[in-house]
């Protein structure tokens, strides 16, 4: 149904940005007011209306798809049109207080602005159709569960493959996934800090001190500053097999902790 009968007048159903809307011409028509009355009342009180909430201001040509195949009679495609939402209409209708207006307001709110949903409840369907819907729902749920399991298996492979032979590259990959999971690439530094802290606690070492001492020795050996600056805590760990084992174990534990496996 494209029209609704209000006060013996057929009102074309119009929607814009997901909301039922009505024009000044519609309001004048159903309230039996001279054309231009609603527009004047709106302009006189425009400061009280919020654009985008109480009304929309658009070109007639832009609202063609929302009004159906043709624009309502009297609309100039190049002109602006004001579309009133339910809240805007009710505010505008405050100035229309005769007995007819109260009756029209009630009908517009109940019959026009309130979208009537078609009741097609599951219980009202035939047993055969209910069965088909249940089967389809179960299949979709099973497919989703399979996809979740596959994702977890892929992540577990990443964790299991993290060993002392490829630990550096693989751990960086896992740490990147952890950072992405908890907030994005910018969290990478925080993840590394947590890893290094746990390594220090478990191994009883101070990676920062070791790094400073290493850089000092490199300086004494004549290594340039840029190369010394590129030497990191990961490089310190790489020089100690025990630290490598601890580091790898901690990265695996964190992968489980943050749910990337």
Protein backbone atom coordinates (compact mmCIF):
# COMPACT_ATOMS: atom_id res chain seq x y z
CA UNK A 1 0.00 0.00 0.00
CA UNK A 2 1.56 3.31 -1.18
CA UNK A 3 -1.06 5.62 0.31
CA UNK A 4 -2.81 6.00 3.64
CA UNK A 5 -6.24 7.60 4.08
CA UNK A 6 -6.16 10.43 6.64
CA UNK A 7 -9.22 12.68 7.11
CA UNK A 8 -10.61 11.50 3.75
CA UNK A 9 -7.35 12.48 2.05
CA UNK A 10 -4.92 10.03 0.46
CA UNK A 11 -1.40 10.66 1.79
CA UNK A 12 1.43 9.23 -0.29
CA UNK A 13 3.80 7.25 1.95
CA UNK A 14 7.24 8.84 1.91
CA UNK A 15 10.46 7.73 3.59
CA UNK A 16 13.85 9.40 3.73
CA UNK A 17 17.01 8.03 5.40
CA UNK A 18 14.98 5.28 7.01
CA UNK A 19 12.32 7.58 8.50
CA UNK A 20 8.72 8.26 7.54
CA UNK A 21 8.42 11.90 6.46
CA UNK A 22 5.62 14.23 5.43
CA UNK A 23 5.55 17.49 3.47
CA UNK A 24 4.00 20.87 4.32
CA UNK A 25 1.51 20.30 1.50
CA UNK A 26 0.44 16.99 3.09
CA UNK A 27 -0.01 18.66 6.47
CA UNK A 28 -2.11 21.48 5.03
CA UNK A 29 -4.21 18.97 3.10
CA UNK A 30 -5.08 16.61 5.97
CA UNK A 31 -5.65 19.48 8.41
CA UNK A 32 -7.90 21.33 5.93
CA UNK A 33 -5.69 24.41 6.13
CA UNK A 34 -4.91 26.86 3.31
CA UNK A 35 -1.80 25.89 1.36
CA UNK A 36 1.24 27.54 2.89
CA UNK A 37 -0.03 27.41 6.49
CA UNK A 38 2.31 24.66 7.66
CA UNK A 39 5.33 26.25 5.95
CA UNK A 40 4.62 29.61 7.61
CA UNK A 41 4.26 28.01 11.05
CA UNK A 42 7.57 26.20 10.46
CA UNK A 43 9.41 29.33 9.34
CA UNK A 44 8.04 31.30 12.31
CA UNK A 45 9.42 28.72 14.74
CA UNK A 46 12.37 27.33 12.78
CA UNK A 47 14.85 27.98 15.61
CA UNK A 48 13.15 25.23 17.63
CA UNK A 49 13.58 22.54 14.94
CA UNK A 50 16.72 20.44 14.50
CA UNK A 51 17.72 19.58 10.95
CA UNK A 52 18.35 15.87 10.50
CA UNK A 53 16.13 15.04 13.46
CA UNK A 54 12.91 17.05 13.06
CA UNK A 55 13.21 17.74 9.34
CA UNK A 56 15.33 17.24 6.22
CA UNK A 57 16.04 19.88 3.59
CA UNK A 58 16.66 18.29 0.19
CA UNK A 59 16.22 18.86 -3.53
CA UNK A 60 13.01 17.50 -5.01
CA UNK A 61 15.03 15.56 -7.57
CA UNK A 62 16.99 13.86 -4.78
CA UNK A 63 13.89 12.48 -3.09
CA UNK A 64 12.38 10.98 -6.25
CA UNK A 65 13.48 7.40 -5.32
CA UNK A 66 11.89 7.76 -1.88
CA UNK A 67 8.55 8.95 -3.27
CA UNK A 68 8.17 6.25 -5.90
CA UNK A 69 8.27 6.50 -9.67
CA UNK A 70 7.00 10.09 -9.88
CA UNK A 71 7.18 13.15 -7.69
CA UNK A 72 3.98 14.42 -6.07
CA UNK A 73 2.03 16.93 -8.12
CA UNK A 74 3.23 20.50 -7.84
CA UNK A 75 6.85 19.64 -7.02
CA UNK A 76 9.57 21.50 -8.91
CA UNK A 77 12.51 19.06 -9.35
CA UNK A 78 15.01 21.91 -8.94
CA UNK A 79 13.43 23.38 -5.82
CA UNK A 80 14.14 22.54 -2.19
CA UNK A 81 11.61 20.53 -0.23
CA UNK A 82 11.31 20.26 3.55
CA UNK A 83 10.49 16.79 4.82
CA UNK A 84 9.10 16.66 8.34
CA UNK A 85 9.76 13.66 10.58
CA UNK A 86 7.31 12.52 13.24
CA UNK A 87 8.97 14.68 15.91
CA UNK A 88 8.98 17.69 13.59
CA UNK A 89 5.34 17.20 12.67
CA UNK A 90 4.29 16.94 16.32
CA UNK A 91 6.16 20.15 17.15
CA UNK A 92 4.55 21.90 14.18
CA UNK A 93 1.12 20.57 15.09
CA UNK A 94 1.26 22.31 18.48
CA UNK A 95 0.08 25.44 16.70
CA UNK A 96 -2.90 23.60 15.18
CA UNK A 97 -5.15 23.10 18.18
CA UNK A 98 -8.72 22.85 16.90
CA UNK A 99 -10.71 19.63 17.41
CA UNK A 100 -9.98 18.39 13.91
CA UNK A 101 -6.25 18.83 14.46
CA UNK A 102 -6.24 16.58 17.52
CA UNK A 103 -8.02 13.84 15.59
CA UNK A 104 -5.72 14.18 12.57
CA UNK A 105 -2.62 14.14 14.77
CA UNK A 106 -3.68 10.87 16.35
CA UNK A 107 -4.36 9.26 12.98
CA UNK A 108 -1.08 10.45 11.47
CA UNK A 109 0.95 9.14 14.40
CA UNK A 110 -0.88 5.82 14.65
CA UNK A 111 -1.47 5.11 10.97
CA UNK A 112 1.24 6.96 9.07
CA UNK A 113 4.40 7.44 11.11
CA UNK A 114 4.12 4.09 12.88
CA UNK A 115 5.33 1.53 10.36
CA UNK A 116 3.09 -1.49 10.49
CA UNK A 117 5.18 -4.65 10.57
CA UNK A 118 3.93 -7.70 8.76
CA UNK A 119 3.52 -10.39 11.37
CA UNK A 120 5.02 -13.53 9.94
CA UNK A 121 6.10 -15.31 13.09
CA UNK A 122 7.93 -18.59 13.02
CA UNK A 123 5.15 -20.35 14.88
CA UNK A 124 2.68 -19.39 12.19
CA UNK A 125 4.60 -21.15 9.44
CA UNK A 126 3.83 -24.63 8.18
CA UNK A 127 5.71 -27.53 9.86
CA UNK A 128 7.57 -28.23 6.60
CA UNK A 129 8.80 -24.64 6.30
CA UNK A 130 9.77 -24.57 9.97
CA UNK A 131 11.84 -27.71 9.40
CA UNK A 132 13.62 -26.18 6.40
CA UNK A 133 14.40 -23.02 8.36
CA UNK A 134 15.76 -25.06 11.28
CA UNK A 135 17.97 -27.11 8.95
CA UNK A 136 19.33 -23.99 7.26
CA UNK A 137 19.98 -22.33 10.62
CA UNK A 138 21.82 -25.40 11.91
CA UNK A 139 23.91 -25.61 8.73
CA UNK A 140 24.94 -21.98 9.03
CA UNK A 141 25.87 -22.49 12.68
CA UNK A 142 27.90 -25.59 11.86
CA UNK A 143 29.70 -23.76 9.06
CA UNK A 144 30.55 -20.93 11.44
CA UNK A 145 31.87 -23.39 14.01
CA UNK A 146 34.00 -25.12 11.36
CA UNK A 147 35.47 -21.78 10.29
CA UNK A 148 36.28 -20.96 13.92
CA UNK A 149 37.99 -24.32 14.40
CA UNK A 150 40.01 -23.87 11.20
CA UNK A 151 41.14 -20.45 12.36
CA UNK A 152 42.21 -21.84 15.72
CA UNK A 153 44.08 -24.69 14.02
CA UNK A 154 45.93 -22.24 11.78
CA UNK A 155 46.92 -20.19 14.80
CA UNK A 156 48.00 -23.27 16.76
CA UNK A 157 50.28 -24.27 13.88
CA UNK A 158 51.90 -20.85 14.17
CA UNK A 159 52.55 -21.41 17.88
CA UNK A 160 53.76 -25.00 17.56
CA UNK A 161 56.15 -24.13 14.73
CA UNK A 162 57.87 -21.52 16.90
CA UNK A 163 61.17 -23.26 17.71
CA UNK A 164 64.77 -22.33 18.36
CA UNK A 165 65.73 -22.66 14.70
CA UNK A 166 63.29 -20.05 13.36
CA UNK A 167 62.39 -18.41 16.64
CA UNK A 168 63.19 -14.86 15.67
CA UNK A 169 61.02 -14.59 12.59
CA UNK A 170 58.21 -16.76 13.95
CA UNK A 171 58.05 -14.95 17.29
CA UNK A 172 57.86 -11.60 15.51
CA UNK A 173 54.92 -12.96 13.50
CA UNK A 174 53.11 -14.09 16.63
CA UNK A 175 53.79 -10.85 18.49
CA UNK A 176 52.39 -8.95 15.52
CA UNK A 177 49.20 -11.05 15.72
CA UNK A 178 48.96 -10.41 19.47
CA UNK A 179 49.33 -6.65 18.93
CA UNK A 180 46.66 -6.70 16.23
CA UNK A 181 44.32 -8.63 18.55
CA UNK A 182 44.63 -6.21 21.46
CA UNK A 183 44.49 -2.93 19.59
CA UNK A 184 46.51 -2.71 16.42
CA UNK A 185 50.08 -2.33 15.20
CA UNK A 186 50.72 0.56 17.58
CA UNK A 187 50.50 -1.95 20.47
CA UNK A 188 53.57 -3.82 19.20
CA UNK A 189 55.92 -1.92 21.53
CA UNK A 190 53.78 -2.73 24.57
CA UNK A 191 53.74 -6.44 23.69
CA UNK A 192 57.54 -6.54 23.37
CA UNK A 193 57.89 -4.73 26.68
CA UNK A 194 55.72 -7.35 28.37
CA UNK A 195 57.75 -10.16 26.78
CA UNK A 196 61.07 -8.65 27.87
CA UNK A 197 59.80 -8.09 31.41
CA UNK A 198 58.73 -11.74 31.70
CA UNK A 199 62.05 -12.93 30.27
CA UNK A 200 63.94 -10.88 32.86
CA UNK A 201 61.80 -12.19 35.72
CA UNK A 202 62.07 -15.82 34.63
CA UNK A 203 65.76 -15.77 33.72
CA UNK A 204 66.86 -13.45 36.51
CA UNK A 205 68.64 -11.08 34.13
CA UNK A 206 68.53 -7.40 33.25
CA UNK A 207 68.32 -7.15 29.49
CA UNK A 208 68.75 -3.38 29.58
CA UNK A 209 72.03 -3.67 31.49
CA UNK A 210 73.30 -6.38 29.19
CA UNK A 211 72.43 -4.22 26.18
CA UNK A 212 74.28 -1.20 27.58
CA UNK A 213 77.36 -3.30 28.36
CA UNK A 214 77.27 -4.86 24.90
CA UNK A 215 77.11 -1.48 23.18
CA UNK A 216 80.00 -0.21 25.31
CA UNK A 217 82.13 -3.18 24.29
CA UNK A 218 81.20 -2.60 20.65
CA UNK A 219 82.26 1.04 21.01
CA UNK A 220 85.59 -0.10 22.46
CA UNK A 221 86.00 -2.35 19.45
CA UNK A 222 85.50 0.62 17.14
CA UNK A 223 82.01 -0.28 15.92
CA UNK A 224 80.22 2.76 14.52
CA UNK A 225 77.41 4.35 16.56
CA UNK A 226 74.67 3.62 14.00
CA UNK A 227 75.45 -0.09 14.16
CA UNK A 228 75.62 -0.03 17.97
CA UNK A 229 72.20 1.67 18.09
CA UNK A 230 70.70 -1.04 15.90
CA UNK A 231 71.73 -3.70 18.43
CA UNK A 232 68.61 -4.54 20.50
CA UNK A 233 67.42 -6.69 23.37
CA UNK A 234 66.44 -9.34 20.82
CA UNK A 235 70.10 -9.48 19.77
CA UNK A 236 71.09 -9.91 23.43
CA UNK A 237 68.64 -12.83 23.72
CA UNK A 238 70.02 -14.34 20.50
CA UNK A 239 73.47 -14.66 22.11
CA UNK A 240 72.19 -16.89 24.92
CA UNK A 241 70.55 -20.28 24.20
CA UNK A 242 68.86 -20.31 27.59
CA UNK A 243 67.34 -16.88 26.95
CA UNK A 244 66.15 -18.04 23.53
CA UNK A 245 64.30 -20.98 25.08
CA UNK A 246 62.72 -18.76 27.73
CA UNK A 247 61.79 -16.12 25.16
CA UNK A 248 60.16 -18.68 22.85
CA UNK A 249 58.19 -20.23 25.73
CA UNK A 250 56.93 -16.84 26.88
CA UNK A 251 55.81 -15.80 23.39
CA UNK A 252 53.86 -19.07 23.10
CA UNK A 253 52.25 -18.49 26.49
CA UNK A 254 51.26 -14.96 25.52
CA UNK A 255 49.77 -16.22 22.26
CA UNK A 256 47.49 -18.44 24.32
CA UNK A 257 46.84 -15.68 26.86
CA UNK A 258 45.67 -13.20 24.21
CA UNK A 259 43.68 -15.77 22.26
CA UNK A 260 45.57 -15.86 18.98
CA UNK A 261 45.60 -19.66 19.04
